[in-house]
Amino acid sequence: MTFRAGIVLVACAIACAHGEPRPAELLRERPAPGVFVQAAATCAPSEPRIPLNDPPWRGMMLLDYVVREDGGLGDVRTEILDGKPPALQAVATVKEWIASSCRFSPATLDGVPKSVELGQFIQFGPPRREVPMLQAGMTKPSVTACAGPRPLMPQDARERALGGTIIVQYVVETDGGISDIELKAPGPVVFFRAVREWLSGCRFEPATDAGRAVAVRIVQPFIFKLQ
C-alpha cells in the first residue's frame, strides 16, 4: 500500500507541475474483499444412527451436499472412504438424516445469500485404527517438504469470492508420510480437496517418543482468505 501511494503522489506532482488534473485511474483503490459468512446447520439428532434391527455397517463416508441460497438442501452425495460394502443401508440412513433432521441457514457474501457445497465425514462404529494425538514428552512432527507453502485457493472459490476456514485431521506416520486425511468438522468440500491434495504432497519429520518415531494424529485449521 505504501508503494502504491508513492506512485500516486509522484504522478500527481508531475501532473500538477503541468497544470493537469490528477489522473483518476491512479486514485482508484482496489475493491475490498467481500464479507463472507459460511452456511450453518442445526441437526437433531446431531449425527445419523442406523436402527438397531438393521445389519451393522462399520466404516467411514464423506457426505457432500449443497446448501442453496434459500437454505434448502440439494445435490446430496456420499463417498465410501473406508469399510466393507454393501453400505446401502448406511448411505440411505445418512441421506435421510441430512434431509429430515437438519436445518440450514445459507452462506452470504456482503449479506447476499450464496449457494455453497459443504462436506463432512460420517463414522459408523469405532475407527479402523487408534492413533494418539501429540502427547506431552513427544517431539512435534515438522514439515520437511511440500509442493508449496500452503494449499492454493481453488479457482472456483476465487471466482465466486468464497472464503472460509476448515478444520482438518490427519496422521503423520512413522516414515513421515501422511494418511487418514479427514474433515474434523463440516466445511466447504472445495477447500478440503485443496488441503487433501496439498497434504498428500508433503513429507514430515515424524514425531518421536523417547527417541522412537511414532505416528500421531494432528488437528489443524486451514484458512482460505479472499484477496
Foldseek 3Di string as FASTA:
>chain_A
DVVLVVVQVVQCVVQVVVPHDRDPVSVDDDDDQWDKDAKDKDFVVPAFDQDPPDDAWFAKKKWKWKQALVQAIGDTDIGTDDTDDDCVSVVVRRVCRCHPGMTMHAMDTNNRGHMAMKMFMHGGDDDPDDAAADDPQKDAKAWDDWPDPAFDDDPVCQVVSDWDKWKWKWKQALQQAIDDIGTPDMDGPVVSVSRVVGNRRIGINAMDHPRGGHMHMDIDMDTGHHD
